Amino acid sequence: MRLLLIKAVATALTIGATTASAVFVTAHLKNPAAPLQPAVLNTGNGTSTTSMDGTLTVGPSVQPSNAAPITSTYAS
């Protein structure tokens, strides 16, 4: 009888956790119209800030390139 109770409780907890996860995920759907963050190609040269210690220039870290695209990731 005790083994049956443990199995029933474990099954109920599993079903409850699965249901709660499904409800949470459906309540927090992504917005497909949202812009990509950060905007890399439209940024320009960056933003400069000057303080008493010097100048800090922040710009995009990913730059467009003319290099050939990678078509394989095979490594021996």
N, C-alpha and C. Protein backbone atom coordinates (compact mmCIF):
# COMPACT_ATOMS: atom_id res chain seq x y z
N MET A 1 0.82 -1.20 0.00
CA MET A 1 0.00 0.00 0.00
C MET A 1 0.87 1.27 0.00
N ARG A 2 1.98 1.23 0.77
CA ARG A 2 2.84 2.40 0.86
C ARG A 2 3.53 2.67 -0.48
N LEU A 3 3.94 1.62 -1.19
CA LEU A 3 4.59 1.77 -2.49
C LEU A 3 3.63 2.41 -3.49
N LEU A 4 2.37 2.01 -3.46
CA LEU A 4 1.36 2.58 -4.35
C LEU A 4 1.16 4.07 -4.07
N LEU A 5 1.19 4.44 -2.81
CA LEU A 5 1.04 5.86 -2.45
C LEU A 5 2.22 6.69 -2.95
N ILE A 6 3.43 6.16 -2.83
CA ILE A 6 4.62 6.88 -3.30
C ILE A 6 4.56 7.06 -4.82
N LYS A 7 4.15 6.02 -5.54
CA LYS A 7 4.03 6.12 -6.99
C LYS A 7 2.96 7.13 -7.40
N ALA A 8 1.86 7.14 -6.68
CA ALA A 8 0.78 8.08 -6.99
C ALA A 8 1.22 9.52 -6.75
N VAL A 9 1.92 9.76 -5.67
CA VAL A 9 2.41 11.11 -5.36
C VAL A 9 3.45 11.55 -6.40
N ALA A 10 4.36 10.66 -6.78
CA ALA A 10 5.37 10.99 -7.79
C ALA A 10 4.72 11.29 -9.13
N THR A 11 3.71 10.52 -9.51
CA THR A 11 3.00 10.76 -10.76
C THR A 11 2.26 12.09 -10.72
N ALA A 12 1.62 12.39 -9.60
CA ALA A 12 0.89 13.66 -9.46
C ALA A 12 1.85 14.85 -9.53
N LEU A 13 3.01 14.73 -8.89
CA LEU A 13 3.99 15.82 -8.95
C LEU A 13 4.52 16.02 -10.36
N THR A 14 4.75 14.93 -11.07
CA THR A 14 5.24 15.02 -12.45
C THR A 14 4.22 15.68 -13.35
N ILE A 15 2.97 15.27 -13.24
CA ILE A 15 1.92 15.87 -14.06
C ILE A 15 1.72 17.33 -13.69
N GLY A 16 1.78 17.65 -12.40
CA GLY A 16 1.63 19.04 -11.96
C GLY A 16 2.75 19.93 -12.47
N ALA A 17 4.00 19.43 -12.40
CA ALA A 17 5.13 20.22 -12.88
C ALA A 17 5.07 20.41 -14.39
N THR A 18 4.66 19.38 -15.11
CA THR A 18 4.54 19.50 -16.56
C THR A 18 3.46 20.50 -16.94
N THR A 19 2.34 20.44 -16.25
CA THR A 19 1.24 21.38 -16.52
C THR A 19 1.65 22.81 -16.19
N ALA A 20 2.33 23.00 -15.06
CA ALA A 20 2.77 24.35 -14.69
C ALA A 20 3.78 24.90 -15.70
N SER A 21 4.68 24.06 -16.19
CA SER A 21 5.64 24.50 -17.19
C SER A 21 4.96 24.88 -18.50
N ALA A 22 3.97 24.09 -18.91
CA ALA A 22 3.25 24.39 -20.15
C ALA A 22 2.48 25.71 -20.02
N VAL A 23 1.88 25.95 -18.89
CA VAL A 23 1.14 27.20 -18.67
C VAL A 23 2.10 28.38 -18.68
N PHE A 24 3.26 28.23 -18.05
CA PHE A 24 4.24 29.32 -18.01
C PHE A 24 4.76 29.64 -19.40
N VAL A 25 5.09 28.63 -20.18
CA VAL A 25 5.64 28.85 -21.51
C VAL A 25 4.62 29.51 -22.42
N THR A 26 3.39 29.06 -22.39
CA THR A 26 2.37 29.67 -23.27
C THR A 26 2.03 31.10 -22.84
N ALA A 27 2.26 31.44 -21.59
CA ALA A 27 1.99 32.79 -21.12
C ALA A 27 3.13 33.75 -21.47
N HIS A 28 4.29 33.24 -21.85
CA HIS A 28 5.46 34.08 -22.14
C HIS A 28 5.98 33.81 -23.54
N LEU A 29 5.14 33.96 -24.52
CA LEU A 29 5.53 33.74 -25.90
C LEU A 29 6.41 34.87 -26.40
N LYS A 30 7.30 34.56 -27.33
CA LYS A 30 8.15 35.59 -27.93
C LYS A 30 7.35 36.42 -28.91
N ASN A 31 7.76 37.66 -29.08
CA ASN A 31 7.15 38.54 -30.04
C ASN A 31 7.96 38.45 -31.33
N PRO A 32 7.42 37.83 -32.39
CA PRO A 32 8.21 37.69 -33.62
C PRO A 32 8.49 39.02 -34.32
N ALA A 33 7.78 40.09 -33.98
CA ALA A 33 8.01 41.39 -34.60
C ALA A 33 9.05 42.21 -33.84
N ALA A 34 9.58 41.69 -32.74
CA ALA A 34 10.56 42.42 -31.95
C ALA A 34 11.87 42.55 -32.72
N PRO A 35 12.54 43.70 -32.63
CA PRO A 35 13.81 43.87 -33.34
C PRO A 35 14.92 43.05 -32.68
N LEU A 36 15.92 42.70 -33.47
CA LEU A 36 17.05 41.98 -32.92
C LEU A 36 17.86 42.92 -32.04
N GLN A 37 18.35 42.41 -30.92
CA GLN A 37 19.13 43.21 -30.00
C GLN A 37 20.50 42.59 -29.86
N PRO A 38 21.56 43.29 -29.90
CA PRO A 38 21.69 44.67 -30.31
C PRO A 38 21.68 44.80 -31.83
N ALA A 39 21.32 45.96 -32.32
CA ALA A 39 21.33 46.21 -33.75
C ALA A 39 22.78 46.35 -34.19
N VAL A 40 23.29 45.42 -34.96
CA VAL A 40 24.71 45.39 -35.29
C VAL A 40 25.01 46.18 -36.55
N LEU A 41 24.30 45.92 -37.63
CA LEU A 41 24.65 46.52 -38.90
C LEU A 41 24.20 47.97 -39.04
N ASN A 42 23.27 48.43 -38.22
CA ASN A 42 22.75 49.78 -38.34
C ASN A 42 23.37 50.75 -37.32
N THR A 43 24.37 50.33 -36.61
CA THR A 43 24.89 51.13 -35.52
C THR A 43 25.79 52.27 -35.98
N GLY A 44 26.58 52.07 -36.99
CA GLY A 44 27.51 53.11 -37.42
C GLY A 44 28.86 52.91 -36.76
N ASN A 45 29.52 54.01 -36.42
CA ASN A 45 30.88 53.92 -35.87
C ASN A 45 30.93 53.75 -34.37
N GLY A 46 29.86 53.99 -33.68
CA GLY A 46 29.87 53.84 -32.23
C GLY A 46 29.55 55.13 -31.52
N THR A 47 29.52 55.07 -30.22
CA THR A 47 29.18 56.20 -29.38
C THR A 47 30.37 56.54 -28.49
N SER A 48 30.70 57.81 -28.38
CA SER A 48 31.83 58.23 -27.56
C SER A 48 31.34 58.97 -26.33
N THR A 49 32.00 58.71 -25.22
CA THR A 49 31.72 59.40 -23.97
C THR A 49 33.04 59.90 -23.41
N THR A 50 33.08 61.15 -23.02
CA THR A 50 34.31 61.73 -22.49
C THR A 50 34.13 62.03 -21.01
N SER A 51 35.13 61.66 -20.22
CA SER A 51 35.14 61.98 -18.79
C SER A 51 36.51 62.55 -18.44
N MET A 52 36.76 62.79 -17.17
CA MET A 52 38.04 63.37 -16.75
C MET A 52 39.19 62.40 -16.99
N ASP A 53 38.91 61.10 -17.02
CA ASP A 53 39.98 60.11 -17.17
C ASP A 53 40.28 59.78 -18.62
N GLY A 54 39.43 60.16 -19.56
CA GLY A 54 39.68 59.85 -20.95
C GLY A 54 38.39 59.69 -21.73
N THR A 55 38.51 59.07 -22.89
CA THR A 55 37.37 58.88 -23.77
C THR A 55 37.10 57.40 -23.93
N LEU A 56 35.84 57.03 -23.86
CA LEU A 56 35.41 55.64 -24.05
C LEU A 56 34.53 55.60 -25.29
N THR A 57 34.91 54.77 -26.26
CA THR A 57 34.14 54.61 -27.47
C THR A 57 33.54 53.21 -27.48
N VAL A 58 32.23 53.13 -27.57
CA VAL A 58 31.54 51.85 -27.58
C VAL A 58 30.91 51.68 -28.96
N GLY A 59 31.20 50.57 -29.60
CA GLY A 59 30.66 50.30 -30.93
C GLY A 59 30.25 48.85 -31.04
N PRO A 60 29.78 48.47 -32.20
CA PRO A 60 29.35 47.09 -32.38
C PRO A 60 30.56 46.16 -32.36
N SER A 61 30.38 44.99 -31.77
CA SER A 61 31.48 44.04 -31.70
C SER A 61 31.47 43.05 -32.87
N VAL A 62 30.39 43.00 -33.61
CA VAL A 62 30.31 42.12 -34.78
C VAL A 62 30.27 43.00 -36.01
N GLN A 63 31.22 42.79 -36.90
CA GLN A 63 31.33 43.62 -38.09
C GLN A 63 31.02 42.79 -39.33
N PRO A 64 30.41 43.38 -40.35
CA PRO A 64 30.20 42.65 -41.60
C PRO A 64 31.55 42.36 -42.26
N SER A 65 31.60 41.29 -43.03
CA SER A 65 32.86 40.86 -43.63
C SER A 65 32.63 40.41 -45.06
N ASN A 66 33.70 40.43 -45.85
CA ASN A 66 33.67 39.92 -47.22
C ASN A 66 34.22 38.50 -47.30
N ALA A 67 34.51 37.88 -46.17
CA ALA A 67 35.07 36.53 -46.14
C ALA A 67 34.04 35.53 -46.63
N ALA A 68 34.54 34.43 -47.17
CA ALA A 68 33.65 33.37 -47.64
C ALA A 68 32.93 32.73 -46.45
N PRO A 69 31.67 32.37 -46.61
CA PRO A 69 30.95 31.76 -45.51
C PRO A 69 31.49 30.37 -45.20
N ILE A 70 31.36 29.98 -43.94
CA ILE A 70 31.79 28.64 -43.51
C ILE A 70 30.71 27.65 -43.95
N THR A 71 31.11 26.65 -44.71
CA THR A 71 30.12 25.68 -45.21
C THR A 71 30.26 24.34 -44.52
N SER A 72 31.28 24.15 -43.73
CA SER A 72 31.47 22.87 -43.04
C SER A 72 32.16 23.11 -41.72
N THR A 73 31.81 22.33 -40.73
CA THR A 73 32.47 22.42 -39.43
C THR A 73 33.18 21.11 -39.11
N TYR A 74 33.52 20.34 -40.14
CA TYR A 74 34.18 19.06 -39.95
C TYR A 74 35.59 19.26 -39.42
N ALA A 75 35.93 18.52 -38.41
CA ALA A 75 37.29 18.55 -37.89
C ALA A 75 37.76 17.12 -37.71
N SER A 76 38.96 16.84 -38.17
CA SER A 76 39.47 15.46 -38.05
C SER A 76 40.14 15.23 -36.71
